[in-house]
């Protein structure tokens, strides 16, 4: 099943804002913002996600995609301190981390051009 819309709840100090983008869309990152991923109208986050760093941008691809489903522009820019989160089936919030054993603790750390499963 193809994903049509991607919802992001952008949470920063004292504010939360839901942004909906069409598949393949782009948003600009904001400093200190945490992004909660949702797809279509689901309440749980996608389990199998691959991310790729392209310059300072983060490309997010969901299972079965052959191109980025979402790009967060400036995600890796200096001072951004951004992170991706999801909600599990039991309603718990969790941070996406690399599942390839690299950089398991803390924020996503990737070299330019590197991709990884999260």
PDB file of N, CA and C in Angstrom:
ATOM      1  N   UNK A   1       0.834  -1.181   0.000  1.00  0.00           N
ATOM      2  CA  UNK A   1       0.000   0.000   0.000  1.00  0.00           C
ATOM      3  C   UNK A   1       0.877   1.242   0.000  1.00  0.00           C
ATOM      4  N   UNK A   2       0.632   2.153  -0.889  1.00  0.00           N
ATOM      5  CA  UNK A   2       1.422   3.372  -0.984  1.00  0.00           C
ATOM      6  C   UNK A   2       0.971   4.378   0.071  1.00  0.00           C
ATOM      7  N   UNK A   3       1.929   5.068   0.629  1.00  0.00           N
ATOM      8  CA  UNK A   3       1.646   6.100   1.614  1.00  0.00           C
ATOM      9  C   UNK A   3       1.324   7.381   0.868  1.00  0.00           C
ATOM     10  N   UNK A   4       0.185   7.987   1.196  1.00  0.00           N
ATOM     11  CA  UNK A   4      -0.220   9.206   0.510  1.00  0.00           C
ATOM     12  C   UNK A   4       0.177  10.461   1.262  1.00  0.00           C
ATOM     13  N   UNK A   5      -0.016  10.460   2.570  1.00  0.00           N
ATOM     14  CA  UNK A   5       0.331  11.642   3.364  1.00  0.00           C
ATOM     15  C   UNK A   5       1.182  11.252   4.557  1.00  0.00           C
ATOM     16  N   UNK A   6       2.020  12.176   4.965  1.00  0.00           N
ATOM     17  CA  UNK A   6       2.893  11.974   6.113  1.00  0.00           C
ATOM     18  C   UNK A   6       2.616  13.107   7.085  1.00  0.00           C
ATOM     19  N   UNK A   7       2.326  12.741   8.302  1.00  0.00           N
ATOM     20  CA  UNK A   7       2.091  13.746   9.335  1.00  0.00           C
ATOM     21  C   UNK A   7       3.295  13.828  10.241  1.00  0.00           C
ATOM     22  N   UNK A   8       3.660  15.031  10.567  1.00  0.00           N
ATOM     23  CA  UNK A   8       4.735  15.272  11.521  1.00  0.00           C
ATOM     24  C   UNK A   8       4.186  16.168  12.605  1.00  0.00           C
ATOM     25  N   UNK A   9       4.384  15.762  13.841  1.00  0.00           N
ATOM     26  CA  UNK A   9       4.085  16.662  14.933  1.00  0.00           C
ATOM     27  C   UNK A   9       5.431  17.230  15.339  1.00  0.00           C
ATOM     28  N   UNK A  10       5.610  18.530  15.105  1.00  0.00           N
ATOM     29  CA  UNK A  10       6.866  19.213  15.413  1.00  0.00           C
ATOM     30  C   UNK A  10       6.744  19.819  16.801  1.00  0.00           C
ATOM     31  N   UNK A  11       7.561  19.328  17.729  1.00  0.00           N
ATOM     32  CA  UNK A  11       7.497  19.775  19.118  1.00  0.00           C
ATOM     33  C   UNK A  11       8.776  20.519  19.465  1.00  0.00           C
ATOM     34  N   UNK A  12       8.604  21.759  19.904  1.00  0.00           N
ATOM     35  CA  UNK A  12       9.738  22.545  20.382  1.00  0.00           C
ATOM     36  C   UNK A  12       9.348  23.096  21.745  1.00  0.00           C
ATOM     37  N   UNK A  13      10.202  23.886  22.352  1.00  0.00           N
ATOM     38  CA  UNK A  13       9.916  24.394  23.691  1.00  0.00           C
ATOM     39  C   UNK A  13       8.572  25.100  23.738  1.00  0.00           C
ATOM     40  N   UNK A  14       7.648  24.540  24.498  1.00  0.00           N
ATOM     41  CA  UNK A  14       6.369  25.181  24.735  1.00  0.00           C
ATOM     42  C   UNK A  14       5.391  25.178  23.576  1.00  0.00           C
ATOM     43  N   UNK A  15       5.671  24.472  22.487  1.00  0.00           N
ATOM     44  CA  UNK A  15       4.751  24.485  21.344  1.00  0.00           C
ATOM     45  C   UNK A  15       4.798  23.161  20.597  1.00  0.00           C
ATOM     46  N   UNK A  16       3.660  22.797  20.038  1.00  0.00           N
ATOM     47  CA  UNK A  16       3.574  21.625  19.168  1.00  0.00           C
ATOM     48  C   UNK A  16       2.724  22.013  17.969  1.00  0.00           C
ATOM     49  N   UNK A  17       3.143  21.568  16.803  1.00  0.00           N
ATOM     50  CA  UNK A  17       2.430  21.912  15.572  1.00  0.00           C
ATOM     51  C   UNK A  17       2.407  20.690  14.677  1.00  0.00           C
ATOM     52  N   UNK A  18       1.217  20.362  14.145  1.00  0.00           N
ATOM     53  CA  UNK A  18       1.121  19.236  13.218  1.00  0.00           C
ATOM     54  C   UNK A  18       1.243  19.765  11.795  1.00  0.00           C
ATOM     55  N   UNK A  19       2.109  19.116  11.040  1.00  0.00           N
ATOM     56  CA  UNK A  19       2.332  19.464   9.648  1.00  0.00           C
ATOM     57  C   UNK A  19       2.035  18.218   8.825  1.00  0.00           C
ATOM     58  N   UNK A  20       1.265  18.364   7.760  1.00  0.00           N
ATOM     59  CA  UNK A  20       0.959  17.248   6.878  1.00  0.00           C
ATOM     60  C   UNK A  20       1.548  17.556   5.511  1.00  0.00           C
ATOM     61  N   UNK A  21       2.326  16.615   4.988  1.00  0.00           N
ATOM     62  CA  UNK A  21       2.920  16.786   3.659  1.00  0.00           C
ATOM     63  C   UNK A  21       2.544  15.590   2.793  1.00  0.00           C
ATOM     64  N   UNK A  22       2.467  15.827   1.514  1.00  0.00           N
ATOM     65  CA  UNK A  22       2.211  14.736   0.574  1.00  0.00           C
ATOM     66  C   UNK A  22       3.478  13.897   0.440  1.00  0.00           C
ATOM     67  N   UNK A  23       3.313  12.650   0.068  1.00  0.00           N
ATOM     68  CA  UNK A  23       4.443  11.759  -0.146  1.00  0.00           C
ATOM     69  C   UNK A  23       5.453  12.437  -1.067  1.00  0.00           C
ATOM     70  N   UNK A  24       6.708  12.433  -0.666  1.00  0.00           N
ATOM     71  CA  UNK A  24       7.768  13.076  -1.437  1.00  0.00           C
ATOM     72  C   UNK A  24       7.973  14.528  -1.061  1.00  0.00           C
ATOM     73  N   UNK A  25       7.220  15.028  -0.084  1.00  0.00           N
ATOM     74  CA  UNK A  25       7.280  16.429   0.316  1.00  0.00           C
ATOM     75  C   UNK A  25       8.511  16.779   1.125  1.00  0.00           C
ATOM     76  N   UNK A  26       8.696  18.084   1.311  1.00  0.00           N
ATOM     77  CA  UNK A  26       9.834  18.603   2.059  1.00  0.00           C
ATOM     78  C   UNK A  26       9.352  19.619   3.086  1.00  0.00           C
ATOM     79  N   UNK A  27      10.026  19.609   4.250  1.00  0.00           N
ATOM     80  CA  UNK A  27       9.789  20.647   5.250  1.00  0.00           C
ATOM     81  C   UNK A  27      11.141  21.158   5.715  1.00  0.00           C
ATOM     82  N   UNK A  28      11.148  22.339   6.301  1.00  0.00           N
ATOM     83  CA  UNK A  28      12.389  22.904   6.835  1.00  0.00           C
ATOM     84  C   UNK A  28      12.473  22.598   8.322  1.00  0.00           C
ATOM     85  N   UNK A  29      13.648  22.158   8.754  1.00  0.00           N
ATOM     86  CA  UNK A  29      13.880  21.860  10.163  1.00  0.00           C
ATOM     87  C   UNK A  29      14.009  23.162  10.949  1.00  0.00           C
ATOM     88  N   UNK A  30      13.672  23.080  12.225  1.00  0.00           N
ATOM     89  CA  UNK A  30      13.821  24.207  13.136  1.00  0.00           C
ATOM     90  C   UNK A  30      14.638  23.754  14.337  1.00  0.00           C
ATOM     91  N   UNK A  31      15.459  24.618  14.856  1.00  0.00           N
ATOM     92  CA  UNK A  31      16.375  24.291  15.954  1.00  0.00           C
ATOM     93  C   UNK A  31      15.627  23.733  17.162  1.00  0.00           C
ATOM     94  N   UNK A  32      16.193  22.671  17.727  1.00  0.00           N
ATOM     95  CA  UNK A  32      15.667  22.079  18.953  1.00  0.00           C
ATOM     96  C   UNK A  32      14.312  21.408  18.810  1.00  0.00           C
ATOM     97  N   UNK A  33      13.911  21.083  17.594  1.00  0.00           N
ATOM     98  CA  UNK A  33      12.590  20.507  17.357  1.00  0.00           C
ATOM     99  C   UNK A  33      12.676  18.988  17.272  1.00  0.00           C
ATOM    100  N   UNK A  34      11.710  18.358  17.870  1.00  0.00           N
ATOM    101  CA  UNK A  34      11.591  16.908  17.813  1.00  0.00           C
ATOM    102  C   UNK A  34      10.405  16.601  16.905  1.00  0.00           C
ATOM    103  N   UNK A  35      10.586  15.640  15.997  1.00  0.00           N
ATOM    104  CA  UNK A  35       9.576  15.321  14.990  1.00  0.00           C
ATOM    105  C   UNK A  35       8.974  13.957  15.239  1.00  0.00           C
ATOM    106  N   UNK A  36       7.669  13.917  15.418  1.00  0.00           N
ATOM    107  CA  UNK A  36       6.925  12.684  15.627  1.00  0.00           C
ATOM    108  C   UNK A  36       6.326  12.276  14.283  1.00  0.00           C
ATOM    109  N   UNK A  37       6.756  11.120  13.751  1.00  0.00           N
ATOM    110  CA  UNK A  37       6.303  10.636  12.448  1.00  0.00           C
ATOM    111  C   UNK A  37       4.956   9.920  12.532  1.00  0.00           C
ATOM    112  N   UNK A  38       4.075  10.222  11.581  1.00  0.00           N
ATOM    113  CA  UNK A  38       2.822   9.495  11.402  1.00  0.00           C
ATOM    114  C   UNK A  38       2.608   9.345   9.906  1.00  0.00           C
ATOM    115  N   UNK A  39       2.009   8.262   9.486  1.00  0.00           N
ATOM    116  CA  UNK A  39       1.710   8.095   8.064  1.00  0.00           C
ATOM    117  C   UNK A  39       0.211   7.901   7.880  1.00  0.00           C
ATOM    118  N   UNK A  40      -0.290   8.493   6.788  1.00  0.00           N
ATOM    119  CA  UNK A  40      -1.720   8.485   6.502  1.00  0.00           C
ATOM    120  C   UNK A  40      -2.472   8.861   7.778  1.00  0.00           C
ATOM    121  N   UNK A  41      -3.439   8.087   8.194  1.00  0.00           N
ATOM    122  CA  UNK A  41      -4.197   8.420   9.400  1.00  0.00           C
ATOM    123  C   UNK A  41      -3.914   7.452  10.541  1.00  0.00           C
ATOM    124  N   UNK A  42      -2.781   6.773  10.482  1.00  0.00           N
ATOM    125  CA  UNK A  42      -2.414   5.809  11.515  1.00  0.00           C
ATOM    126  C   UNK A  42      -1.962   6.531  12.787  1.00  0.00           C
ATOM    127  N   UNK A  43      -2.179   5.910  13.936  1.00  0.00           N
ATOM    128  CA  UNK A  43      -1.704   6.495  15.185  1.00  0.00           C
ATOM    129  C   UNK A  43      -0.328   5.970  15.553  1.00  0.00           C
ATOM    130  N   UNK A  44       0.060   4.812  15.027  1.00  0.00           N
ATOM    131  CA  UNK A  44       1.389   4.277  15.310  1.00  0.00           C
ATOM    132  C   UNK A  44       2.351   4.679  14.194  1.00  0.00           C
ATOM    133  N   UNK A  45       3.607   4.777  14.545  1.00  0.00           N
ATOM    134  CA  UNK A  45       4.632   5.159  13.583  1.00  0.00           C
ATOM    135  C   UNK A  45       5.053   3.948  12.756  1.00  0.00           C
ATOM    136  N   UNK A  46       5.568   4.181  11.557  1.00  0.00           N
ATOM    137  CA  UNK A  46       6.059   3.066  10.746  1.00  0.00           C
ATOM    138  C   UNK A  46       7.253   2.404  11.415  1.00  0.00           C
ATOM    139  N   UNK A  47       7.320   1.082  11.339  1.00  0.00           N
ATOM    140  CA  UNK A  47       8.406   0.340  11.974  1.00  0.00           C
ATOM    141  C   UNK A  47       9.680   0.344  11.149  1.00  0.00           C
ATOM    142  N   UNK A  48       9.565   0.104   9.868  1.00  0.00           N
ATOM    143  CA  UNK A  48      10.743  -0.037   9.018  1.00  0.00           C
ATOM    144  C   UNK A  48      10.975   1.235   8.215  1.00  0.00           C
ATOM    145  N   UNK A  49      11.943   2.006   8.657  1.00  0.00           N
ATOM    146  CA  UNK A  49      12.251   3.300   8.052  1.00  0.00           C
ATOM    147  C   UNK A  49      13.739   3.313   7.718  1.00  0.00           C
ATOM    148  N   UNK A  50      14.080   3.881   6.580  1.00  0.00           N
ATOM    149  CA  UNK A  50      15.476   4.087   6.204  1.00  0.00           C
ATOM    150  C   UNK A  50      15.689   5.586   6.045  1.00  0.00           C
ATOM    151  N   UNK A  51      16.789   6.074   6.579  1.00  0.00           N
ATOM    152  CA  UNK A  51      17.119   7.487   6.456  1.00  0.00           C
ATOM    153  C   UNK A  51      18.438   7.637   5.724  1.00  0.00           C
ATOM    154  N   UNK A  52      18.592   8.788   5.064  1.00  0.00           N
ATOM    155  CA  UNK A  52      19.821   9.082   4.355  1.00  0.00           C
ATOM    156  C   UNK A  52      20.156  10.550   4.566  1.00  0.00           C
ATOM    157  N   UNK A  53      21.430  10.800   4.813  1.00  0.00           N
ATOM    158  CA  UNK A  53      21.879  12.184   4.930  1.00  0.00           C
ATOM    159  C   UNK A  53      22.366  12.653   3.565  1.00  0.00           C
ATOM    160  N   UNK A  54      21.825  13.780   3.114  1.00  0.00           N
ATOM    161  CA  UNK A  54      22.242  14.406   1.868  1.00  0.00           C
ATOM    162  C   UNK A  54      22.566  15.855   2.214  1.00  0.00           C
ATOM    163  N   UNK A  55      23.856  16.145   2.379  1.00  0.00           N
ATOM    164  CA  UNK A  55      24.248  17.468   2.873  1.00  0.00           C
ATOM    165  C   UNK A  55      23.750  17.604   4.300  1.00  0.00           C
ATOM    166  N   UNK A  56      22.971  18.640   4.562  1.00  0.00           N
ATOM    167  CA  UNK A  56      22.385  18.828   5.891  1.00  0.00           C
ATOM    168  C   UNK A  56      20.946  18.331   5.963  1.00  0.00           C
ATOM    169  N   UNK A  57      20.460  17.731   4.883  1.00  0.00           N
ATOM    170  CA  UNK A  57      19.079  17.262   4.827  1.00  0.00           C
ATOM    171  C   UNK A  57      18.976  15.798   5.248  1.00  0.00           C
ATOM    172  N   UNK A  58      17.823  15.442   5.793  1.00  0.00           N
ATOM    173  CA  UNK A  58      17.522  14.062   6.161  1.00  0.00           C
ATOM    174  C   UNK A  58      16.402  13.567   5.253  1.00  0.00           C
ATOM    175  N   UNK A  59      16.697  12.540   4.469  1.00  0.00           N
ATOM    176  CA  UNK A  59      15.689  11.914   3.623  1.00  0.00           C
ATOM    177  C   UNK A  59      15.148  10.688   4.350  1.00  0.00           C
ATOM    178  N   UNK A  60      13.832  10.587   4.426  1.00  0.00           N
ATOM    179  CA  UNK A  60      13.158   9.503   5.130  1.00  0.00           C
ATOM    180  C   UNK A  60      12.400   8.661   4.102  1.00  0.00           C
ATOM    181  N   UNK A  61      12.659   7.351   4.104  1.00  0.00           N
ATOM    182  CA  UNK A  61      11.973   6.430   3.195  1.00  0.00           C
ATOM    183  C   UNK A  61      11.331   5.318   4.008  1.00  0.00           C
ATOM    184  N   UNK A  62      10.070   5.046   3.719  1.00  0.00           N
ATOM    185  CA  UNK A  62       9.355   3.988   4.409  1.00  0.00           C
ATOM    186  C   UNK A  62       9.489   2.688   3.634  1.00  0.00           C
ATOM    187  N   UNK A  63       9.195   1.575   4.288  1.00  0.00           N
ATOM    188  CA  UNK A  63       9.347   0.251   3.689  1.00  0.00           C
ATOM    189  C   UNK A  63       8.646   0.188   2.337  1.00  0.00           C
ATOM    190  N   UNK A  64       9.365  -0.310   1.327  1.00  0.00           N
ATOM    191  CA  UNK A  64       8.816  -0.461  -0.004  1.00  0.00           C
ATOM    192  C   UNK A  64       8.988   0.748  -0.905  1.00  0.00           C
ATOM    193  N   UNK A  65       9.549   1.832  -0.385  1.00  0.00           N
ATOM    194  CA  UNK A  65       9.742   3.046  -1.187  1.00  0.00           C
ATOM    195  C   UNK A  65      11.059   2.978  -1.935  1.00  0.00           C
ATOM    196  N   UNK A  66      11.056   3.482  -3.152  1.00  0.00           N
ATOM    197  CA  UNK A  66      12.297   3.529  -3.918  1.00  0.00           C
ATOM    198  C   UNK A  66      12.835   4.955  -4.036  1.00  0.00           C
ATOM    199  N   UNK A  67      12.151   5.905  -3.406  1.00  0.00           N
ATOM    200  CA  UNK A  67      12.607   7.298  -3.351  1.00  0.00           C
ATOM    201  C   UNK A  67      12.188   7.863  -2.001  1.00  0.00           C
ATOM    202  N   UNK A  68      12.757   8.995  -1.585  1.00  0.00           N
ATOM    203  CA  UNK A  68      12.398   9.546  -0.274  1.00  0.00           C
ATOM    204  C   UNK A  68      10.909   9.893  -0.187  1.00  0.00           C
ATOM    205  N   UNK A  69      10.288   9.500   0.908  1.00  0.00           N
ATOM    206  CA  UNK A  69       8.894   9.853   1.158  1.00  0.00           C
ATOM    207  C   UNK A  69       8.792  11.235   1.796  1.00  0.00           C
ATOM    208  N   UNK A  70       9.859  11.641   2.483  1.00  0.00           N
ATOM    209  CA  UNK A  70       9.881  12.912   3.192  1.00  0.00           C
ATOM    210  C   UNK A  70      11.319  13.386   3.277  1.00  0.00           C
ATOM    211  N   UNK A  71      11.535  14.691   3.114  1.00  0.00           N
ATOM    212  CA  UNK A  71      12.849  15.288   3.327  1.00  0.00           C
ATOM    213  C   UNK A  71      12.706  16.387   4.367  1.00  0.00           C
ATOM    214  N   UNK A  72      13.529  16.317   5.400  1.00  0.00           N
ATOM    215  CA  UNK A  72      13.572  17.383   6.400  1.00  0.00           C
ATOM    216  C   UNK A  72      14.834  18.182   6.108  1.00  0.00           C
ATOM    217  N   UNK A  73      14.643  19.357   5.524  1.00  0.00           N
ATOM    218  CA  UNK A  73      15.755  20.195   5.093  1.00  0.00           C
ATOM    219  C   UNK A  73      16.439  20.836   6.296  1.00  0.00           C
ATOM    220  N   UNK A  74      17.757  20.758   6.340  1.00  0.00           N
ATOM    221  CA  UNK A  74      18.537  21.371   7.410  1.00  0.00           C
ATOM    222  C   UNK A  74      18.544  20.590   8.706  1.00  0.00           C
ATOM    223  N   UNK A  75      18.097  19.342   8.689  1.00  0.00           N
ATOM    224  CA  UNK A  75      18.024  18.505   9.892  1.00  0.00           C
ATOM    225  C   UNK A  75      19.388  18.393  10.577  1.00  0.00           C
ATOM    226  N   UNK A  76      20.469  18.304   9.781  1.00  0.00           N
ATOM    227  CA  UNK A  76      21.812  18.126  10.326  1.00  0.00           C
ATOM    228  C   UNK A  76      22.597  19.430  10.421  1.00  0.00           C
ATOM    229  N   UNK A  77      21.974  20.564  10.162  1.00  0.00           N
ATOM    230  CA  UNK A  77      22.684  21.843  10.231  1.00  0.00           C
ATOM    231  C   UNK A  77      23.173  22.095  11.653  1.00  0.00           C
ATOM    232  N   UNK A  78      24.243  22.832  11.756  1.00  0.00           N
ATOM    233  CA  UNK A  78      24.841  23.126  13.062  1.00  0.00           C
ATOM    234  C   UNK A  78      23.821  23.776  13.995  1.00  0.00           C
ATOM    235  N   UNK A  79      23.749  23.251  15.229  1.00  0.00           N
ATOM    236  CA  UNK A  79      22.872  23.801  16.250  1.00  0.00           C
ATOM    237  C   UNK A  79      21.424  23.342  16.185  1.00  0.00           C
ATOM    238  N   UNK A  80      21.098  22.450  15.277  1.00  0.00           N
ATOM    239  CA  UNK A  80      19.703  22.025  15.131  1.00  0.00           C
ATOM    240  C   UNK A  80      19.241  21.103  16.252  1.00  0.00           C
ATOM    241  N   UNK A  81      20.029  20.098  16.621  1.00  0.00           N
ATOM    242  CA  UNK A  81      19.695  19.176  17.706  1.00  0.00           C
ATOM    243  C   UNK A  81      18.294  18.564  17.529  1.00  0.00           C
ATOM    244  N   UNK A  82      17.978  18.125  16.312  1.00  0.00           N
ATOM    245  CA  UNK A  82      16.669  17.543  16.014  1.00  0.00           C
ATOM    246  C   UNK A  82      16.696  16.033  16.169  1.00  0.00           C
ATOM    247  N   UNK A  83      15.515  15.431  16.316  1.00  0.00           N
ATOM    248  CA  UNK A  83      15.411  13.985  16.464  1.00  0.00           C
ATOM    249  C   UNK A  83      14.063  13.517  15.942  1.00  0.00           C
ATOM    250  N   UNK A  84      14.010  12.284  15.444  1.00  0.00           N
ATOM    251  CA  UNK A  84      12.763  11.666  14.980  1.00  0.00           C
ATOM    252  C   UNK A  84      12.202  10.758  16.061  1.00  0.00           C
ATOM    253  N   UNK A  85      10.887  10.801  16.236  1.00  0.00           N
ATOM    254  CA  UNK A  85      10.198   9.969  17.215  1.00  0.00           C
ATOM    255  C   UNK A  85       9.034   9.256  16.547  1.00  0.00           C
ATOM    256  N   UNK A  86       8.553   8.234  17.205  1.00  0.00           N
ATOM    257  CA  UNK A  86       7.370   7.521  16.754  1.00  0.00           C
ATOM    258  C   UNK A  86       6.577   7.051  17.960  1.00  0.00           C
ATOM    259  N   UNK A  87       5.366   6.540  17.712  1.00  0.00           N
ATOM    260  CA  UNK A  87       4.522   5.992  18.765  1.00  0.00           C
ATOM    261  C   UNK A  87       4.337   4.508  18.467  1.00  0.00           C
ATOM    262  N   UNK A  88       4.595   3.675  19.475  1.00  0.00           N
ATOM    263  CA  UNK A  88       4.455   2.224  19.305  1.00  0.00           C
ATOM    264  C   UNK A  88       2.996   1.807  19.508  1.00  0.00           C
ATOM    265  N   UNK A  89       2.717   0.537  19.257  1.00  0.00           N
ATOM    266  CA  UNK A  89       1.354   0.023  19.381  1.00  0.00           C
ATOM    267  C   UNK A  89       0.799   0.147  20.793  1.00  0.00           C
ATOM    268  N   UNK A  90       1.692   0.166  21.802  1.00  0.00           N
ATOM    269  CA  UNK A  90       1.214   0.312  23.177  1.00  0.00           C
ATOM    270  C   UNK A  90       1.102   1.780  23.596  1.00  0.00           C
ATOM    271  N   UNK A  91       1.263   2.695  22.635  1.00  0.00           N
ATOM    272  CA  UNK A  91       1.082   4.124  22.910  1.00  0.00           C
ATOM    273  C   UNK A  91       2.307   4.834  23.451  1.00  0.00           C
ATOM    274  N   UNK A  92       3.436   4.137  23.549  1.00  0.00           N
ATOM    275  CA  UNK A  92       4.650   4.741  24.089  1.00  0.00           C
ATOM    276  C   UNK A  92       5.408   5.517  23.014  1.00  0.00           C
ATOM    277  N   UNK A  93       5.940   6.651  23.395  1.00  0.00           N
ATOM    278  CA  UNK A  93       6.759   7.468  22.517  1.00  0.00           C
ATOM    279  C   UNK A  93       8.188   6.946  22.557  1.00  0.00           C
ATOM    280  N   UNK A  94       8.830   6.829  21.393  1.00  0.00           N
ATOM    281  CA  UNK A  94      10.214   6.365  21.356  1.00  0.00           C
ATOM    282  C   UNK A  94      10.980   7.124  20.284  1.00  0.00           C
ATOM    283  N   UNK A  95      12.275   7.277  20.508  1.00  0.00           N
ATOM    284  CA  UNK A  95      13.145   7.904  19.514  1.00  0.00           C
ATOM    285  C   UNK A  95      13.600   6.844  18.530  1.00  0.00           C
ATOM    286  N   UNK A  96      13.590   7.190  17.249  1.00  0.00           N
ATOM    287  CA  UNK A  96      14.159   6.291  16.257  1.00  0.00           C
ATOM    288  C   UNK A  96      15.671   6.270  16.445  1.00  0.00           C
ATOM    289  N   UNK A  97      16.256   5.094  16.429  1.00  0.00           N
ATOM    290  CA  UNK A  97      17.708   4.928  16.501  1.00  0.00           C
ATOM    291  C   UNK A  97      18.136   3.990  15.391  1.00  0.00           C
ATOM    292  N   UNK A  98      19.389   4.053  15.049  1.00  0.00           N
ATOM    293  CA  UNK A  98      19.909   3.172  13.999  1.00  0.00           C
ATOM    294  C   UNK A  98      19.841   1.726  14.452  1.00  0.00           C
ATOM    295  N   UNK A  99      19.399   0.857  13.561  1.00  0.00           N
ATOM    296  CA  UNK A  99      19.297  -0.563  13.893  1.00  0.00           C
ATOM    297  C   UNK A  99      20.470  -1.358  13.348  1.00  0.00           C
ATOM    298  N   UNK A 100      21.440  -0.667  12.761  1.00  0.00           N
ATOM    299  CA  UNK A 100      22.616  -1.353  12.226  1.00  0.00           C
ATOM    300  C   UNK A 100      23.766  -1.384  13.233  1.00  0.00           C
ATOM    301  N   UNK A 101      23.489  -0.944  14.479  1.00  0.00           N
ATOM    302  CA  UNK A 101      24.508  -0.985  15.526  1.00  0.00           C
ATOM    303  C   UNK A 101      25.416   0.226  15.572  1.00  0.00           C
ATOM    304  N   UNK A 102      25.306   1.127  14.608  1.00  0.00           N
ATOM    305  CA  UNK A 102      26.126   2.335  14.592  1.00  0.00           C
ATOM    306  C   UNK A 102      25.358   3.468  15.267  1.00  0.00           C
ATOM    307  N   UNK A 103      25.997   4.161  16.196  1.00  0.00           N
ATOM    308  CA  UNK A 103      25.362   5.317  16.823  1.00  0.00           C
ATOM    309  C   UNK A 103      24.052   4.987  17.511  1.00  0.00           C
ATOM    310  N   UNK A 104      24.016   3.840  18.195  1.00  0.00           N
ATOM    311  CA  UNK A 104      22.779   3.392  18.826  1.00  0.00           C
ATOM    312  C   UNK A 104      22.287   4.355  19.903  1.00  0.00           C
ATOM    313  N   UNK A 105      23.205   5.002  20.587  1.00  0.00           N
ATOM    314  CA  UNK A 105      22.818   5.885  21.687  1.00  0.00           C
ATOM    315  C   UNK A 105      22.809   7.333  21.213  1.00  0.00           C
ATOM    316  N   UNK A 106      21.742   8.060  21.518  1.00  0.00           N
ATOM    317  CA  UNK A 106      21.690   9.479  21.210  1.00  0.00           C
ATOM    318  C   UNK A 106      21.071   9.780  19.860  1.00  0.00           C
ATOM    319  N   UNK A 107      21.350  10.974  19.384  1.00  0.00           N
ATOM    320  CA  UNK A 107      20.763  11.472  18.141  1.00  0.00           C
ATOM    321  C   UNK A 107      21.344  10.763  16.922  1.00  0.00           C
ATOM    322  N   UNK A 108      20.638  10.884  15.814  1.00  0.00           N
ATOM    323  CA  UNK A 108      21.126  10.313  14.557  1.00  0.00           C
ATOM    324  C   UNK A 108      22.415  11.017  14.161  1.00  0.00           C
ATOM    325  N   UNK A 109      23.456  10.233  13.988  1.00  0.00           N
ATOM    326  CA  UNK A 109      24.740  10.762  13.543  1.00  0.00           C
ATOM    327  C   UNK A 109      25.080  10.022  12.256  1.00  0.00           C
ATOM    328  N   UNK A 110      25.227  10.786  11.181  1.00  0.00           N
ATOM    329  CA  UNK A 110      25.479  10.168   9.886  1.00  0.00           C
ATOM    330  C   UNK A 110      26.418  11.043   9.080  1.00  0.00           C
ATOM    331  N   UNK A 111      27.247  10.405   8.274  1.00  0.00           N
ATOM    332  CA  UNK A 111      28.103  11.130   7.341  1.00  0.00           C
ATOM    333  C   UNK A 111      27.286  11.477   6.100  1.00  0.00           C
ATOM    334  N   UNK A 112      27.695  12.518   5.394  1.00  0.00           N
ATOM    335  CA  UNK A 112      27.012  12.911   4.168  1.00  0.00           C
ATOM    336  C   UNK A 112      26.998  11.747   3.178  1.00  0.00           C
ATOM    337  N   UNK A 113      25.837  11.431   2.635  1.00  0.00           N
ATOM    338  CA  UNK A 113      25.676  10.342   1.680  1.00  0.00           C
ATOM    339  C   UNK A 113      25.392   8.994   2.317  1.00  0.00           C
ATOM    340  N   UNK A 114      25.494   8.904   3.634  1.00  0.00           N
ATOM    341  CA  UNK A 114      25.276   7.644   4.344  1.00  0.00           C
ATOM    342  C   UNK A 114      23.779   7.392   4.545  1.00  0.00           C
ATOM    343  N   UNK A 115      23.377   6.140   4.410  1.00  0.00           N
ATOM    344  CA  UNK A 115      22.000   5.767   4.722  1.00  0.00           C
ATOM    345  C   UNK A 115      22.014   4.674   5.781  1.00  0.00           C
ATOM    346  N   UNK A 116      20.913   4.579   6.530  1.00  0.00           N
ATOM    347  CA  UNK A 116      20.859   3.605   7.609  1.00  0.00           C
ATOM    348  C   UNK A 116      19.417   3.258   7.925  1.00  0.00           C
ATOM    349  N   UNK A 117      19.174   2.016   8.369  1.00  0.00           N
ATOM    350  CA  UNK A 117      17.848   1.649   8.849  1.00  0.00           C
ATOM    351  C   UNK A 117      17.671   2.183  10.271  1.00  0.00           C
ATOM    352  N   UNK A 118      16.453   2.649  10.551  1.00  0.00           N
ATOM    353  CA  UNK A 118      16.155   3.091  11.918  1.00  0.00           C
ATOM    354  C   UNK A 118      14.863   2.460  12.378  1.00  0.00           C
TER     355      UNK A 118
END
